């Protein structure tokens, strides 16, 4: 019985998510298709030495030159089974 419960739980986790959740999750994927993202952190440690950390995220969508709007649309449909409620261009313009 416990195995059956775990199997059902695992299968429901793979199911579609709400349209709003899919749009939120896919927005970052589309932004990464536009350009690489990264950050740099600078600081002075208690030992008095300077410390620098950083990272850069580059996706295959960016490297292959995929259209961010198409990446967004495909991601939303794949995750929710529905088309986005708003075009990516209108979302991207609002966040700039």
C-alpha atoms as a PDB file:
ATOM      1  CA  UNK A   1       0.000   0.000   0.000  1.00  0.00           C
ATOM      2  CA  UNK A   2       2.821   2.387   0.867  1.00  0.00           C
ATOM      3  CA  UNK A   3       4.519   1.708  -2.471  1.00  0.00           C
ATOM      4  CA  UNK A   4       1.281   2.553  -4.281  1.00  0.00           C
ATOM      5  CA  UNK A   5       1.000   5.855  -2.371  1.00  0.00           C
ATOM      6  CA  UNK A   6       4.583   6.801  -3.243  1.00  0.00           C
ATOM      7  CA  UNK A   7       4.017   5.919  -6.905  1.00  0.00           C
ATOM      8  CA  UNK A   8       0.892   8.070  -7.110  1.00  0.00           C
ATOM      9  CA  UNK A   9       2.690  10.953  -5.392  1.00  0.00           C
ATOM     10  CA  UNK A  10       5.625  10.691  -7.808  1.00  0.00           C
ATOM     11  CA  UNK A  11       3.339  10.650 -10.846  1.00  0.00           C
ATOM     12  CA  UNK A  12       1.359  13.693  -9.720  1.00  0.00           C
ATOM     13  CA  UNK A  13       4.609  15.632  -9.238  1.00  0.00           C
ATOM     14  CA  UNK A  14       5.319  15.138 -12.953  1.00  0.00           C
ATOM     15  CA  UNK A  15       1.942  16.512 -14.025  1.00  0.00           C
ATOM     16  CA  UNK A  16       1.215  19.944 -15.429  1.00  0.00           C
ATOM     17  CA  UNK A  17       1.470  23.013 -13.214  1.00  0.00           C
ATOM     18  CA  UNK A  18      -0.844  26.021 -13.229  1.00  0.00           C
ATOM     19  CA  UNK A  19      -0.487  28.523 -16.045  1.00  0.00           C
ATOM     20  CA  UNK A  20       0.657  31.251 -13.628  1.00  0.00           C
ATOM     21  CA  UNK A  21       3.339  29.025 -12.112  1.00  0.00           C
ATOM     22  CA  UNK A  22       4.575  27.939 -15.544  1.00  0.00           C
ATOM     23  CA  UNK A  23       4.787  31.573 -16.693  1.00  0.00           C
ATOM     24  CA  UNK A  24       6.816  32.502 -13.588  1.00  0.00           C
ATOM     25  CA  UNK A  25       9.194  29.574 -14.004  1.00  0.00           C
ATOM     26  CA  UNK A  26       9.644  30.078 -17.745  1.00  0.00           C
ATOM     27  CA  UNK A  27      10.330  33.806 -17.531  1.00  0.00           C
ATOM     28  CA  UNK A  28      13.848  33.222 -16.202  1.00  0.00           C
ATOM     29  CA  UNK A  29      14.536  30.612 -18.873  1.00  0.00           C
ATOM     30  CA  UNK A  30      13.555  33.102 -21.592  1.00  0.00           C
ATOM     31  CA  UNK A  31      15.696  35.837 -20.000  1.00  0.00           C
ATOM     32  CA  UNK A  32      18.687  33.495 -20.132  1.00  0.00           C
ATOM     33  CA  UNK A  33      18.014  32.954 -23.842  1.00  0.00           C
ATOM     34  CA  UNK A  34      18.416  36.730 -24.338  1.00  0.00           C
ATOM     35  CA  UNK A  35      21.847  37.017 -22.766  1.00  0.00           C
ATOM     36  CA  UNK A  36      24.073  35.358 -20.177  1.00  0.00           C
ATOM     37  CA  UNK A  37      23.525  36.339 -16.540  1.00  0.00           C
ATOM     38  CA  UNK A  38      25.994  36.545 -13.712  1.00  0.00           C
ATOM     39  CA  UNK A  39      27.036  38.247 -10.538  1.00  0.00           C
ATOM     40  CA  UNK A  40      30.178  39.300  -8.736  1.00  0.00           C
ATOM     41  CA  UNK A  41      30.681  39.645  -4.996  1.00  0.00           C
ATOM     42  CA  UNK A  42      33.527  41.603  -3.438  1.00  0.00           C
ATOM     43  CA  UNK A  43      34.378  41.699   0.226  1.00  0.00           C
ATOM     44  CA  UNK A  44      37.000  41.977   2.892  1.00  0.00           C
ATOM     45  CA  UNK A  45      37.326  39.030   5.231  1.00  0.00           C
ATOM     46  CA  UNK A  46      38.059  39.173   8.945  1.00  0.00           C
ATOM     47  CA  UNK A  47      41.638  38.323   8.010  1.00  0.00           C
ATOM     48  CA  UNK A  48      41.869  41.645   6.130  1.00  0.00           C
ATOM     49  CA  UNK A  49      42.197  39.979   2.718  1.00  0.00           C
ATOM     50  CA  UNK A  50      40.020  40.847  -0.252  1.00  0.00           C
ATOM     51  CA  UNK A  51      37.730  38.084  -1.495  1.00  0.00           C
ATOM     52  CA  UNK A  52      36.082  37.930  -4.900  1.00  0.00           C
ATOM     53  CA  UNK A  53      33.396  35.455  -5.969  1.00  0.00           C
ATOM     54  CA  UNK A  54      31.421  35.313  -9.162  1.00  0.00           C
ATOM     55  CA  UNK A  55      29.442  33.161 -11.511  1.00  0.00           C
ATOM     56  CA  UNK A  56      28.089  33.316 -15.031  1.00  0.00           C
ATOM     57  CA  UNK A  57      25.150  31.349 -16.428  1.00  0.00           C
ATOM     58  CA  UNK A  58      25.088  30.695 -20.169  1.00  0.00           C
ATOM     59  CA  UNK A  59      22.367  28.460 -21.613  1.00  0.00           C
ATOM     60  CA  UNK A  60      22.260  26.393 -24.758  1.00  0.00           C
ATOM     61  CA  UNK A  61      19.272  28.503 -25.867  1.00  0.00           C
ATOM     62  CA  UNK A  62      21.523  31.577 -25.906  1.00  0.00           C
ATOM     63  CA  UNK A  63      24.408  29.762 -27.605  1.00  0.00           C
ATOM     64  CA  UNK A  64      22.098  28.436 -30.308  1.00  0.00           C
ATOM     65  CA  UNK A  65      20.521  31.865 -30.875  1.00  0.00           C
ATOM     66  CA  UNK A  66      16.973  30.802 -30.014  1.00  0.00           C
ATOM     67  CA  UNK A  67      14.290  33.457 -29.882  1.00  0.00           C
ATOM     68  CA  UNK A  68      13.509  34.188 -26.185  1.00  0.00           C
ATOM     69  CA  UNK A  69       9.794  34.576 -26.966  1.00  0.00           C
ATOM     70  CA  UNK A  70       9.723  31.119 -28.570  1.00  0.00           C
ATOM     71  CA  UNK A  71      11.671  29.647 -25.644  1.00  0.00           C
ATOM     72  CA  UNK A  72       9.082  31.159 -23.272  1.00  0.00           C
ATOM     73  CA  UNK A  73       6.077  29.937 -25.272  1.00  0.00           C
ATOM     74  CA  UNK A  74       7.451  26.389 -25.604  1.00  0.00           C
ATOM     75  CA  UNK A  75       8.333  26.231 -21.913  1.00  0.00           C
ATOM     76  CA  UNK A  76       4.886  27.398 -20.764  1.00  0.00           C
ATOM     77  CA  UNK A  77       3.087  24.942 -23.048  1.00  0.00           C
ATOM     78  CA  UNK A  78       5.377  22.095 -21.980  1.00  0.00           C
ATOM     79  CA  UNK A  79       4.865  22.783 -18.257  1.00  0.00           C
ATOM     80  CA  UNK A  80       1.188  23.771 -18.141  1.00  0.00           C
ATOM     81  CA  UNK A  81      -0.345  22.382 -21.325  1.00  0.00           C
ATOM     82  CA  UNK A  82      -1.688  25.880 -22.123  1.00  0.00           C
ATOM     83  CA  UNK A  83      -0.475  28.827 -24.156  1.00  0.00           C
ATOM     84  CA  UNK A  84       0.831  31.838 -22.191  1.00  0.00           C
ATOM     85  CA  UNK A  85      -1.710  34.475 -21.148  1.00  0.00           C
ATOM     86  CA  UNK A  86       0.662  37.268 -22.241  1.00  0.00           C
ATOM     87  CA  UNK A  87       3.341  37.496 -24.879  1.00  0.00           C
ATOM     88  CA  UNK A  88       6.909  37.397 -23.577  1.00  0.00           C
ATOM     89  CA  UNK A  89       7.652  40.733 -25.238  1.00  0.00           C
ATOM     90  CA  UNK A  90       5.041  42.483 -23.086  1.00  0.00           C
ATOM     91  CA  UNK A  91       6.467  40.891 -19.928  1.00  0.00           C
ATOM     92  CA  UNK A  92      10.068  41.672 -20.840  1.00  0.00           C
ATOM     93  CA  UNK A  93       9.192  45.297 -21.641  1.00  0.00           C
ATOM     94  CA  UNK A  94       7.467  45.722 -18.276  1.00  0.00           C
ATOM     95  CA  UNK A  95      10.488  44.461 -16.307  1.00  0.00           C
ATOM     96  CA  UNK A  96      13.116  46.635 -17.977  1.00  0.00           C
END
